[in-house]
N, C-alpha and C. Protein backbone atom coordinates (compact mmCIF):
# COMPACT_ATOMS: atom_id res chain seq x y z
N UNK A 1 3.39 10.48 0.26
CA UNK A 1 4.32 8.88 -0.42
C UNK A 1 4.83 8.79 -1.71
N UNK A 2 6.17 8.92 -2.05
CA UNK A 2 6.87 8.88 -3.08
C UNK A 2 7.38 7.57 -3.51
N UNK A 3 7.61 7.18 -4.43
CA UNK A 3 7.74 5.79 -5.21
C UNK A 3 9.33 6.18 -5.61
N UNK A 4 10.12 5.39 -5.37
CA UNK A 4 11.07 5.01 -6.11
C UNK A 4 11.44 4.36 -6.77
N UNK A 5 11.55 4.22 -7.90
CA UNK A 5 11.77 3.12 -9.27
C UNK A 5 12.88 3.01 -9.78
N UNK A 6 13.50 2.20 -9.86
CA UNK A 6 14.45 1.85 -10.93
C UNK A 6 14.11 2.46 -12.32
N UNK A 7 14.44 2.63 -12.85
CA UNK A 7 13.66 2.89 -14.39
C UNK A 7 14.73 3.15 -15.43
N UNK A 8 14.28 2.09 -16.42
CA UNK A 8 15.52 2.32 -17.29
C UNK A 8 14.79 2.55 -18.46
N UNK A 9 15.20 3.31 -19.28
CA UNK A 9 14.65 3.83 -20.91
C UNK A 9 14.62 2.42 -21.78
N UNK A 10 13.05 2.26 -22.28
CA UNK A 10 13.48 1.41 -22.99
C UNK A 10 14.18 1.07 -24.48
N UNK A 11 15.11 -0.05 -25.12
CA UNK A 11 15.96 0.11 -25.75
C UNK A 11 15.38 -0.86 -26.96
N UNK A 12 14.37 -1.64 -26.79
CA UNK A 12 13.72 -1.90 -27.67
C UNK A 12 13.54 -1.51 -29.22
N UNK A 13 12.57 -2.14 -30.01
CA UNK A 13 11.88 -2.10 -30.97
C UNK A 13 10.61 -0.90 -30.79
N UNK A 14 10.82 0.52 -31.60
CA UNK A 14 10.05 1.29 -31.52
C UNK A 14 9.00 1.68 -32.81
N UNK A 15 9.27 0.74 -33.65
CA UNK A 15 8.53 0.65 -35.05
C UNK A 15 8.46 -0.85 -35.37
N UNK A 16 7.19 -0.94 -35.86
CA UNK A 16 6.82 -2.27 -36.34
C UNK A 16 6.28 -2.51 -37.88
N UNK A 17 6.72 -2.99 -38.63
CA UNK A 17 6.34 -2.90 -40.22
C UNK A 17 5.99 -4.04 -40.39
N UNK A 18 4.36 -4.46 -40.53
CA UNK A 18 4.11 -5.81 -40.72
C UNK A 18 3.68 -5.76 -42.19
N UNK A 19 4.23 -4.52 -43.05
CA UNK A 19 3.59 -4.76 -44.73
C UNK A 19 4.10 -6.47 -45.44
N UNK A 20 4.87 -6.93 -44.39
CA UNK A 20 5.46 -8.66 -45.34
C UNK A 20 4.21 -9.65 -45.28
N UNK A 21 3.47 -9.12 -43.83
CA UNK A 21 2.24 -9.82 -43.37
C UNK A 21 1.10 -9.58 -44.09
N UNK A 22 1.06 -8.94 -44.89
CA UNK A 22 -0.41 -8.48 -45.47
C UNK A 22 -0.86 -9.28 -46.17
N UNK A 23 -2.22 -9.79 -46.24
CA UNK A 23 -2.97 -10.95 -46.72
C UNK A 23 -2.61 -12.20 -45.74
N UNK A 24 -1.89 -12.12 -44.55
CA UNK A 24 -1.59 -13.31 -43.89
C UNK A 24 -2.39 -12.95 -42.71
N UNK A 25 -2.54 -11.67 -42.25
CA UNK A 25 -3.16 -11.40 -40.55
C UNK A 25 -4.45 -11.78 -40.96
N UNK A 26 -5.06 -11.93 -39.41
CA UNK A 26 -6.54 -12.64 -39.93
C UNK A 26 -6.76 -11.95 -38.51
N UNK A 27 -7.97 -11.62 -38.17
CA UNK A 27 -8.82 -10.93 -36.69
C UNK A 27 -10.08 -11.95 -37.27
N UNK A 28 -9.98 -12.80 -36.19
CA UNK A 28 -11.30 -13.63 -35.99
C UNK A 28 -12.24 -13.24 -35.31
N UNK A 29 -13.35 -13.48 -35.31
CA UNK A 29 -14.54 -13.37 -34.21
C UNK A 29 -14.05 -13.57 -32.68
N UNK A 30 -15.02 -13.13 -31.88
CA UNK A 30 -14.80 -13.37 -30.37
C UNK A 30 -15.50 -15.25 -30.46
N UNK A 31 -14.56 -15.97 -30.12
CA UNK A 31 -14.67 -17.31 -29.89
C UNK A 31 -13.45 -18.05 -31.19
N UNK A 32 -13.62 -17.03 -31.86
CA UNK A 32 -12.96 -17.79 -33.39
C UNK A 32 -11.97 -18.80 -33.34
N UNK A 33 -10.81 -19.00 -32.29
CA UNK A 33 -9.88 -19.61 -32.16
C UNK A 33 -10.18 -20.92 -31.55
N UNK A 34 -11.75 -21.07 -30.71
CA UNK A 34 -11.85 -22.26 -30.23
C UNK A 34 -11.76 -23.40 -31.08
N UNK A 35 -11.74 -24.33 -31.21
CA UNK A 35 -11.55 -25.73 -32.38
C UNK A 35 -10.60 -25.47 -33.50
N UNK A 36 -9.83 -24.27 -33.43
CA UNK A 36 -8.43 -24.50 -34.09
C UNK A 36 -7.19 -25.76 -33.88
N UNK A 37 -6.97 -26.27 -34.75
CA UNK A 37 -5.82 -27.07 -34.19
C UNK A 37 -4.85 -26.21 -34.00
N UNK A 38 -3.82 -26.74 -33.29
CA UNK A 38 -2.89 -26.05 -32.73
C UNK A 38 -1.39 -26.66 -33.04
N UNK A 39 0.07 -26.37 -33.07
CA UNK A 39 0.95 -27.28 -32.97
C UNK A 39 1.16 -27.86 -31.55
N UNK A 40 1.74 -29.08 -31.99
CA UNK A 40 1.75 -29.99 -30.94
C UNK A 40 3.74 -30.01 -30.69
N UNK A 41 3.92 -30.87 -29.45
CA UNK A 41 4.86 -31.29 -29.32
C UNK A 41 5.81 -32.19 -30.41
N UNK A 42 6.92 -31.99 -30.95
CA UNK A 42 7.29 -33.01 -31.62
C UNK A 42 7.41 -32.40 -33.30
N UNK A 43 6.96 -31.21 -33.27
CA UNK A 43 6.43 -30.52 -34.57
C UNK A 43 8.15 -30.53 -35.71
N UNK A 44 9.35 -30.27 -34.91
CA UNK A 44 10.23 -30.08 -35.37
C UNK A 44 10.34 -31.34 -36.19
N UNK A 45 10.18 -32.82 -35.60
CA UNK A 45 10.62 -33.65 -35.86
C UNK A 45 9.78 -33.98 -37.24
N UNK A 46 8.58 -33.98 -37.16
CA UNK A 46 7.22 -33.94 -38.62
C UNK A 46 7.58 -33.08 -39.60
N UNK A 47 7.93 -31.67 -39.04
CA UNK A 47 8.78 -31.01 -40.39
C UNK A 47 9.72 -31.39 -41.14
N UNK A 48 10.81 -32.08 -40.48
CA UNK A 48 11.96 -32.29 -41.14
C UNK A 48 11.76 -33.47 -41.65
N UNK A 49 10.76 -34.41 -41.38
CA UNK A 49 10.52 -35.65 -42.21
C UNK A 49 9.22 -35.15 -43.76
N UNK A 50 8.67 -34.58 -43.26
CA UNK A 50 7.89 -33.71 -44.29
C UNK A 50 8.60 -33.47 -45.44
N UNK A 51 9.89 -32.52 -45.00
CA UNK A 51 10.68 -31.82 -46.13
C UNK A 51 11.20 -32.86 -46.76
N UNK A 52 11.46 -33.82 -46.21
CA UNK A 52 12.71 -34.43 -46.96
C UNK A 52 11.68 -35.97 -47.73
N UNK A 53 10.67 -36.23 -47.01
CA UNK A 53 9.84 -37.46 -47.54
C UNK A 53 8.93 -37.30 -48.50
N UNK A 54 8.34 -35.93 -48.27
CA UNK A 54 6.66 -35.71 -48.94
C UNK A 54 7.40 -35.29 -50.36
N UNK A 55 8.27 -34.67 -51.19
CA UNK A 55 8.34 -34.52 -52.14
C UNK A 55 8.69 -35.85 -53.24
N UNK A 56 9.33 -36.74 -51.96
CA UNK A 56 9.54 -38.06 -52.72
C UNK A 56 8.11 -38.77 -53.28
N UNK A 57 7.34 -38.74 -52.51
CA UNK A 57 5.92 -39.47 -51.89
C UNK A 57 4.91 -39.16 -52.42
N UNK A 58 4.99 -37.81 -53.04
CA UNK A 58 3.46 -37.21 -52.97
C UNK A 58 2.89 -37.83 -54.46
N UNK A 59 3.17 -38.35 -55.10
CA UNK A 59 2.29 -38.67 -56.53
C UNK A 59 1.65 -40.12 -55.48
N UNK A 60 2.61 -40.71 -55.23
CA UNK A 60 1.80 -42.08 -54.17
C UNK A 60 1.06 -41.73 -53.42
N UNK A 61 1.09 -40.89 -52.49
CA UNK A 61 0.10 -40.36 -51.65
C UNK A 61 -1.16 -39.84 -52.37
N UNK A 62 -1.14 -39.33 -53.68
CA UNK A 62 -2.06 -38.60 -54.20
C UNK A 62 -2.33 -37.35 -53.52
N UNK A 63 -1.18 -36.63 -53.06
CA UNK A 63 -1.50 -34.95 -52.76
C UNK A 63 -0.68 -34.24 -54.04
N UNK A 64 -1.13 -32.95 -53.59
CA UNK A 64 -0.37 -32.07 -54.43
C UNK A 64 1.31 -32.02 -54.48
N UNK A 65 1.80 -32.11 -55.44
CA UNK A 65 3.12 -32.34 -55.53
C UNK A 65 4.25 -30.81 -55.31
N UNK A 66 3.36 -29.51 -54.80
CA UNK A 66 3.50 -28.30 -54.30
C UNK A 66 3.09 -28.33 -53.07
N UNK A 67 2.50 -29.66 -51.95
CA UNK A 67 1.93 -29.41 -50.49
C UNK A 67 2.98 -29.19 -49.68
N UNK A 68 4.35 -29.78 -49.66
CA UNK A 68 5.71 -29.73 -49.23
C UNK A 68 6.04 -27.80 -49.28
N UNK A 69 6.00 -27.29 -50.23
CA UNK A 69 6.35 -25.68 -50.33
C UNK A 69 5.09 -24.98 -49.71
N UNK A 70 3.88 -25.73 -49.82
CA UNK A 70 2.97 -24.76 -49.02
C UNK A 70 3.03 -24.76 -47.59
N UNK A 71 3.45 -25.73 -47.07
CA UNK A 71 3.49 -26.43 -45.64
C UNK A 71 4.89 -25.14 -45.48
N UNK A 72 6.04 -25.25 -45.84
CA UNK A 72 7.50 -24.53 -45.83
C UNK A 72 6.93 -23.09 -46.04
N UNK A 73 6.20 -22.33 -46.52
CA UNK A 73 5.80 -20.78 -46.75
C UNK A 73 5.25 -20.90 -45.64
N UNK A 74 4.44 -21.51 -44.92
CA UNK A 74 3.00 -21.53 -43.67
C UNK A 74 4.24 -21.30 -42.68
N UNK A 75 5.33 -22.25 -42.32
CA UNK A 75 6.18 -22.01 -41.52
C UNK A 75 6.93 -20.90 -41.34
N UNK A 76 7.25 -20.15 -42.43
CA UNK A 76 8.09 -19.50 -42.74
C UNK A 76 7.13 -17.79 -42.23
N UNK A 77 5.73 -17.90 -42.75
CA UNK A 77 4.83 -16.99 -41.89
C UNK A 77 4.85 -17.05 -40.27
N UNK A 78 4.76 -18.28 -39.85
CA UNK A 78 4.69 -18.74 -38.74
C UNK A 78 5.92 -18.00 -37.98
N UNK A 79 6.74 -18.14 -38.39
CA UNK A 79 8.05 -17.79 -37.61
C UNK A 79 7.90 -15.97 -37.74
N UNK A 80 7.64 -15.57 -38.57
CA UNK A 80 7.50 -14.22 -38.95
C UNK A 80 6.45 -13.26 -37.82
N UNK A 81 5.19 -14.25 -37.92
CA UNK A 81 4.19 -13.99 -36.83
C UNK A 81 4.46 -13.76 -35.65
N UNK A 82 5.33 -15.15 -35.14
CA UNK A 82 5.64 -15.60 -33.71
C UNK A 82 6.61 -14.24 -33.37
N UNK A 83 7.56 -13.89 -34.65
CA UNK A 83 8.41 -12.78 -34.17
C UNK A 83 7.85 -11.37 -33.50
N UNK A 84 7.04 -11.38 -34.76
CA UNK A 84 6.34 -9.92 -34.13
C UNK A 84 5.61 -10.13 -32.93
N UNK A 85 4.58 -11.35 -32.82
CA UNK A 85 4.01 -11.32 -31.54
C UNK A 85 4.90 -11.05 -30.15
N UNK A 86 6.30 -11.31 -30.26
CA UNK A 86 6.90 -11.48 -29.32
C UNK A 86 7.58 -9.92 -28.92
N UNK A 87 6.90 -9.41 -30.47
CA UNK A 87 7.53 -7.80 -29.74
C UNK A 87 6.34 -6.88 -29.53
N UNK A 88 5.18 -7.47 -29.94
CA UNK A 88 4.13 -6.64 -29.73
C UNK A 88 3.59 -6.71 -28.33
N UNK A 89 4.17 -8.33 -27.69
CA UNK A 89 3.46 -8.22 -26.41
C UNK A 89 4.57 -7.44 -25.65
N UNK A 90 6.10 -7.43 -26.02
CA UNK A 90 6.95 -6.23 -25.15
C UNK A 90 6.29 -4.99 -25.16
N UNK A 91 6.47 -4.58 -26.22
CA UNK A 91 5.45 -3.04 -26.63
C UNK A 91 4.66 -3.01 -25.84
N UNK A 92 3.61 -3.76 -25.79
CA UNK A 92 2.43 -3.76 -24.66
C UNK A 92 2.65 -3.85 -23.16
N UNK A 93 3.71 -4.53 -22.88
CA UNK A 93 4.40 -4.53 -21.75
C UNK A 93 4.77 -3.29 -21.49
N UNK A 94 5.67 -2.45 -22.28
CA UNK A 94 6.23 -1.12 -22.03
C UNK A 94 5.33 -0.19 -21.92
N UNK A 95 4.50 -0.43 -22.74
CA UNK A 95 3.19 0.47 -23.03
C UNK A 95 2.45 0.88 -21.74
N UNK A 96 1.87 -0.50 -20.97
CA UNK A 96 1.61 -0.56 -19.61
C UNK A 96 2.18 0.31 -18.81
N UNK A 97 3.61 -0.23 -18.56
CA UNK A 97 4.23 0.27 -17.81
C UNK A 97 4.92 1.31 -17.74
N UNK A 98 4.96 1.95 -18.86
CA UNK A 98 4.88 3.60 -18.95
C UNK A 98 3.86 4.62 -18.77
N UNK A 99 2.71 4.01 -18.96
CA UNK A 99 1.48 4.36 -18.55
C UNK A 99 1.57 4.11 -16.89
N UNK A 100 1.40 3.49 -16.29
CA UNK A 100 1.43 3.68 -14.98
C UNK A 100 2.72 4.90 -14.15
N UNK A 101 3.98 4.42 -14.67
CA UNK A 101 4.91 5.50 -14.58
C UNK A 101 4.72 6.76 -14.59
N UNK A 102 3.86 7.27 -15.91
CA UNK A 102 3.62 8.65 -16.33
C UNK A 102 2.49 8.85 -14.95
N UNK A 103 1.73 8.06 -14.94
CA UNK A 103 0.36 8.38 -14.14
C UNK A 103 1.27 8.94 -12.62
N UNK A 104 2.15 8.23 -12.18
CA UNK A 104 2.62 8.68 -10.62
C UNK A 104 3.32 9.53 -10.82
N UNK A 105 4.00 9.76 -11.87
CA UNK A 105 4.92 10.96 -11.84
C UNK A 105 3.66 12.38 -11.68
N UNK A 106 2.39 11.93 -12.96
CA UNK A 106 1.63 13.35 -12.89
C UNK A 106 1.06 13.28 -11.24
N UNK A 107 0.35 12.31 -10.66
CA UNK A 107 -0.05 12.46 -9.39
C UNK A 107 0.71 12.79 -8.31
N UNK A 108 1.98 12.69 -8.12
CA UNK A 108 2.71 13.45 -7.58
C UNK A 108 2.76 14.64 -7.64
N UNK A 109 2.66 15.16 -9.04
CA UNK A 109 2.79 16.76 -9.15
C UNK A 109 1.25 17.18 -8.74
N UNK A 110 0.43 16.33 -8.79
CA UNK A 110 -0.98 17.24 -8.24
C UNK A 110 -0.98 17.26 -7.16
N UNK A 111 -0.40 16.20 -6.38
CA UNK A 111 -0.41 16.41 -4.86
C UNK A 111 0.86 17.37 -4.36
N UNK A 112 1.47 17.54 -5.12
CA UNK A 112 2.22 18.71 -4.84
C UNK A 112 1.10 20.19 -4.63
N UNK A 113 0.77 20.36 -6.08
CA UNK A 113 -0.18 21.23 -5.92
C UNK A 113 -1.12 21.49 -4.91
N UNK A 114 -1.89 20.49 -4.19
CA UNK A 114 -2.58 20.25 -3.44
C UNK A 114 -1.99 20.78 -2.27
N UNK A 115 -0.91 20.47 -1.68
CA UNK A 115 -0.14 20.79 -0.62
C UNK A 115 0.03 21.96 -0.78
N UNK A 116 0.49 22.52 -1.55
CA UNK A 116 0.64 24.19 -1.78
C UNK A 116 -0.37 24.99 -1.46
N UNK A 117 -1.60 24.38 -2.42
CA UNK A 117 -3.22 24.99 -2.37
C UNK A 117 -3.29 25.14 -0.67
N UNK A 118 -3.61 24.15 0.30
CA UNK A 118 -3.76 23.77 1.75
C UNK A 118 -2.69 24.85 2.44
N UNK A 119 -1.43 24.92 1.83
CA UNK A 119 -0.89 25.76 2.97
C UNK A 119 -0.69 27.24 2.38
N UNK A 120 -1.30 27.75 1.26
CA UNK A 120 -1.35 29.27 0.89
C UNK A 120 -3.22 29.57 1.59
N UNK A 121 -3.80 28.27 1.43
CA UNK A 121 -5.16 28.85 2.16
C UNK A 121 -4.92 28.66 3.71
N UNK A 122 -4.48 28.22 4.29
CA UNK A 122 -4.35 28.57 5.66
C UNK A 122 -3.79 29.74 5.85
N UNK A 123 -2.41 30.07 4.98
CA UNK A 123 -1.59 31.56 5.43
C UNK A 123 -2.23 32.71 4.91
N UNK A 124 -2.75 32.68 3.94
CA UNK A 124 -2.85 33.91 3.24
C UNK A 124 -4.52 34.02 2.72
N UNK A 125 -5.06 32.58 1.53
CA UNK A 125 -6.28 33.23 1.08
C UNK A 125 -6.93 31.70 1.13
N UNK A 126 -8.03 31.72 1.67
CA UNK A 126 -8.85 30.65 2.01
C UNK A 126 -9.65 30.36 0.56
N UNK A 127 -9.85 31.56 0.18
CA UNK A 127 -10.62 31.51 -1.31
C UNK A 127 -10.21 30.37 -2.37
N UNK A 128 -8.42 30.06 -1.86
CA UNK A 128 -7.73 29.09 -2.83
C UNK A 128 -8.24 27.83 -3.14
N UNK A 129 -9.32 27.21 -1.54
CA UNK A 129 -9.54 26.02 -1.67
C UNK A 129 -10.74 26.17 -2.48
N UNK A 130 -11.36 26.90 -2.68
CA UNK A 130 -12.59 27.53 -3.62
C UNK A 130 -12.19 26.67 -5.18
N UNK A 131 -11.00 27.65 -5.52
CA UNK A 131 -10.69 27.81 -6.76
C UNK A 131 -10.20 26.62 -7.33
N UNK A 132 -9.50 25.83 -6.46
CA UNK A 132 -9.01 24.46 -6.69
C UNK A 132 -9.88 23.34 -6.03
N UNK A 133 -11.09 23.43 -5.70
CA UNK A 133 -12.08 22.51 -5.14
C UNK A 133 -12.04 20.86 -5.94
N UNK A 134 -12.23 21.32 -6.98
CA UNK A 134 -12.43 19.68 -8.06
C UNK A 134 -11.17 19.23 -8.05
N UNK A 135 -9.89 19.69 -7.95
CA UNK A 135 -8.28 19.09 -7.61
C UNK A 135 -8.11 18.55 -6.19
N UNK A 136 -8.89 18.99 -5.37
CA UNK A 136 -8.63 18.78 -4.19
C UNK A 136 -9.14 17.62 -3.84
N UNK A 137 -10.90 17.61 -4.57
CA UNK A 137 -11.85 16.31 -4.06
C UNK A 137 -10.92 15.18 -5.08
N UNK A 138 -10.48 15.02 -6.06
CA UNK A 138 -9.70 14.52 -7.06
C UNK A 138 -8.68 13.79 -6.32
N UNK A 139 -7.60 14.51 -5.77
CA UNK A 139 -6.62 13.61 -4.99
C UNK A 139 -6.83 13.08 -3.90
N UNK A 140 -8.01 13.92 -3.26
CA UNK A 140 -8.23 12.86 -1.89
C UNK A 140 -9.12 11.98 -2.15
N UNK A 141 -9.80 11.45 -3.15
CA UNK A 141 -10.26 10.18 -3.08
C UNK A 141 -9.63 8.90 -2.79
N UNK A 142 -8.97 9.18 -2.97
CA UNK A 142 -8.10 7.80 -2.18
C UNK A 142 -8.29 7.02 -0.51
N UNK A 143 -7.75 8.62 -0.18
CA UNK A 143 -7.99 8.75 0.95
C UNK A 143 -9.32 8.63 1.44
N UNK A 144 -10.37 9.17 1.00
CA UNK A 144 -11.83 9.16 1.52
C UNK A 144 -12.22 7.45 1.45
N UNK A 145 -11.65 6.87 0.49
CA UNK A 145 -12.10 5.25 -0.15
C UNK A 145 -11.35 4.55 1.25
N UNK A 146 -10.10 4.89 1.35
CA UNK A 146 -9.22 4.11 2.82
C UNK A 146 -10.24 4.55 4.11
N UNK A 147 -10.70 5.71 4.32
CA UNK A 147 -10.98 6.03 5.47
C UNK A 147 -12.48 4.94 5.76
N UNK A 148 -13.03 5.35 4.39
CA UNK A 148 -14.19 4.53 4.17
C UNK A 148 -14.26 3.09 5.10
N UNK A 149 -13.48 2.48 4.18
CA UNK A 149 -13.48 1.02 4.63
C UNK A 149 -12.85 0.56 6.05
N UNK A 150 -12.00 1.31 5.89
CA UNK A 150 -11.56 0.99 7.80
C UNK A 150 -12.63 1.41 8.53
N UNK A 151 -13.79 2.45 8.45
CA UNK A 151 -14.61 2.19 9.18
C UNK A 151 -15.31 1.41 9.03
N UNK A 152 -15.59 0.65 7.87
CA UNK A 152 -16.35 -0.30 7.43
C UNK A 152 -16.09 -1.65 8.23
N UNK A 153 -14.63 -1.88 8.06
CA UNK A 153 -13.78 -3.17 8.77
C UNK A 153 -14.18 -3.03 10.57
N UNK A 154 -13.42 -1.56 11.14
CA UNK A 154 -14.23 -1.02 12.40
C UNK A 154 -15.64 -1.65 12.85
N UNK A 155 -16.46 -1.00 12.24
CA UNK A 155 -17.72 -1.72 12.48
C UNK A 155 -18.13 -3.39 12.17
N UNK A 156 -17.44 -3.92 11.25
CA UNK A 156 -17.72 -5.28 11.36
C UNK A 156 -16.88 -5.98 12.86
N UNK A 157 -16.04 -5.26 12.67
CA UNK A 157 -14.97 -6.22 14.36
C UNK A 157 -15.77 -5.72 15.39
N UNK A 158 -16.43 -4.68 15.31
CA UNK A 158 -17.31 -3.95 16.54
C UNK A 158 -18.51 -5.26 17.06
N UNK A 159 -18.85 -5.62 15.72
CA UNK A 159 -20.10 -6.52 15.67
C UNK A 159 -19.53 -7.75 16.05
N UNK A 160 -18.61 -8.15 15.51
CA UNK A 160 -18.59 -9.83 15.85
C UNK A 160 -18.24 -9.84 17.18
N UNK A 161 -17.64 -8.93 17.82
CA UNK A 161 -17.28 -8.73 19.43
C UNK A 161 -18.41 -8.78 20.17
N UNK A 162 -19.64 -8.40 19.62
CA UNK A 162 -20.76 -8.19 20.34
C UNK A 162 -21.38 -9.16 20.08
N UNK A 163 -21.30 -10.16 19.21
CA UNK A 163 -21.79 -11.28 18.84
C UNK A 163 -20.90 -12.59 19.93
N UNK A 164 -19.81 -12.00 20.33
CA UNK A 164 -19.23 -13.05 20.71
C UNK A 164 -18.21 -13.77 19.78
N UNK A 165 -18.32 -13.73 18.66
CA UNK A 165 -17.33 -14.30 18.17
C UNK A 165 -15.79 -14.31 18.13
N UNK A 166 -15.01 -15.05 18.40
CA UNK A 166 -13.58 -14.91 18.86
C UNK A 166 -12.83 -14.01 17.49
N UNK A 167 -11.90 -12.99 17.88
CA UNK A 167 -11.33 -12.29 16.64
C UNK A 167 -10.06 -12.35 17.04
N UNK A 168 -8.97 -12.56 15.95
CA UNK A 168 -7.59 -12.68 16.37
C UNK A 168 -7.09 -12.82 15.00
N UNK A 169 -6.02 -11.99 15.09
CA UNK A 169 -5.27 -11.59 14.20
C UNK A 169 -6.70 -11.35 12.65
N UNK A 170 -7.12 -10.00 12.72
CA UNK A 170 -8.09 -9.88 12.01
C UNK A 170 -8.92 -11.19 10.78
N UNK A 171 -9.28 -12.22 11.68
CA UNK A 171 -9.99 -13.39 10.71
C UNK A 171 -10.87 -14.11 12.53
N UNK A 172 -12.06 -14.08 11.73
CA UNK A 172 -12.84 -14.82 13.38
C UNK A 172 -12.56 -16.37 12.75
N UNK A 173 -12.35 -16.71 14.14
CA UNK A 173 -11.68 -18.05 14.37
C UNK A 173 -13.08 -19.42 14.42
N UNK A 174 -13.31 -20.31 14.23
CA UNK A 174 -13.86 -21.69 13.77
C UNK A 174 -14.31 -21.59 15.41
N UNK A 175 -15.51 -21.54 15.91
CA UNK A 175 -15.97 -22.25 17.11
C UNK A 175 -15.34 -23.83 17.24
N UNK A 176 -14.95 -24.02 18.19
CA UNK A 176 -14.47 -25.30 18.61
C UNK A 176 -15.71 -26.14 19.04
N UNK A 177 -15.78 -27.33 18.49
CA UNK A 177 -16.26 -28.50 19.02
C UNK A 177 -17.12 -28.41 20.13
N UNK A 178 -18.39 -28.91 20.77
CA UNK A 178 -18.54 -28.94 22.12
C UNK A 178 -17.74 -29.99 22.99
N UNK A 179 -17.19 -29.08 23.99
CA UNK A 179 -16.58 -30.15 24.80
C UNK A 179 -15.03 -29.84 24.85
N UNK A 180 -14.77 -29.17 23.41
CA UNK A 180 -13.36 -29.04 23.06
C UNK A 180 -13.29 -27.33 23.55
N UNK A 181 -11.95 -27.23 23.90
CA UNK A 181 -11.51 -25.77 23.60
C UNK A 181 -10.14 -25.77 23.30
N UNK A 182 -9.57 -24.44 22.69
CA UNK A 182 -8.36 -24.63 22.25
C UNK A 182 -7.18 -24.60 23.03
N UNK A 183 -7.69 -24.50 24.54
CA UNK A 183 -5.99 -24.91 25.15
C UNK A 183 -6.04 -25.91 25.90
N UNK A 184 -7.34 -26.93 26.03
CA UNK A 184 -6.88 -28.19 26.06
C UNK A 184 -6.54 -28.99 24.65
N UNK A 185 -5.36 -29.86 25.11
CA UNK A 185 -5.05 -31.07 24.21
C UNK A 185 -5.97 -31.86 24.11
N UNK A 186 -5.84 -32.53 22.69
CA UNK A 186 -7.19 -33.06 22.20
C UNK A 186 -6.54 -34.66 22.52
N UNK A 187 -7.32 -35.82 23.17
CA UNK A 187 -6.52 -36.66 23.58
C UNK A 187 -6.85 -38.09 22.36
N UNK A 188 -5.87 -38.49 22.02
CA UNK A 188 -6.43 -39.53 20.73
C UNK A 188 -6.02 -41.09 21.28
């Protein structure tokens, strides 16, 4: 079976320079994000208020006079980290898709080799089956798994039929309560 996909070349960023974030990026231990305070809705309004009013009232509030600058610096870093995060997420998506696509191409070529080995073994040299034994086994494992699953499902269906469990469309039907059948309408 051949997979036909509409494939387009990735045209996004291929390099990522994070040197401007050196000293800002952190690697938390597993579960380390639990309990961290995160941005809430309405930050843009609060940010605007802080940037205009904090410099005027810092002394009165008894907070550091450069607190507004610290908040502004963190906003700039956050914006940069979020931009990097979007790029990295897209690159991860593209890498996963490329991996699957390349595997599909490789598996198609392996299938071509296996088909050629089988045909050549029938026509001229049966020893070719031995020479490519591992490749043939590798290629056929999906089919073997499918056959095993099919036999298992057929056995389960046969057991259900022997037990008298109604079977319709691949799912066992629940038994109707005593005195009622599926064919008779229920009185209300």
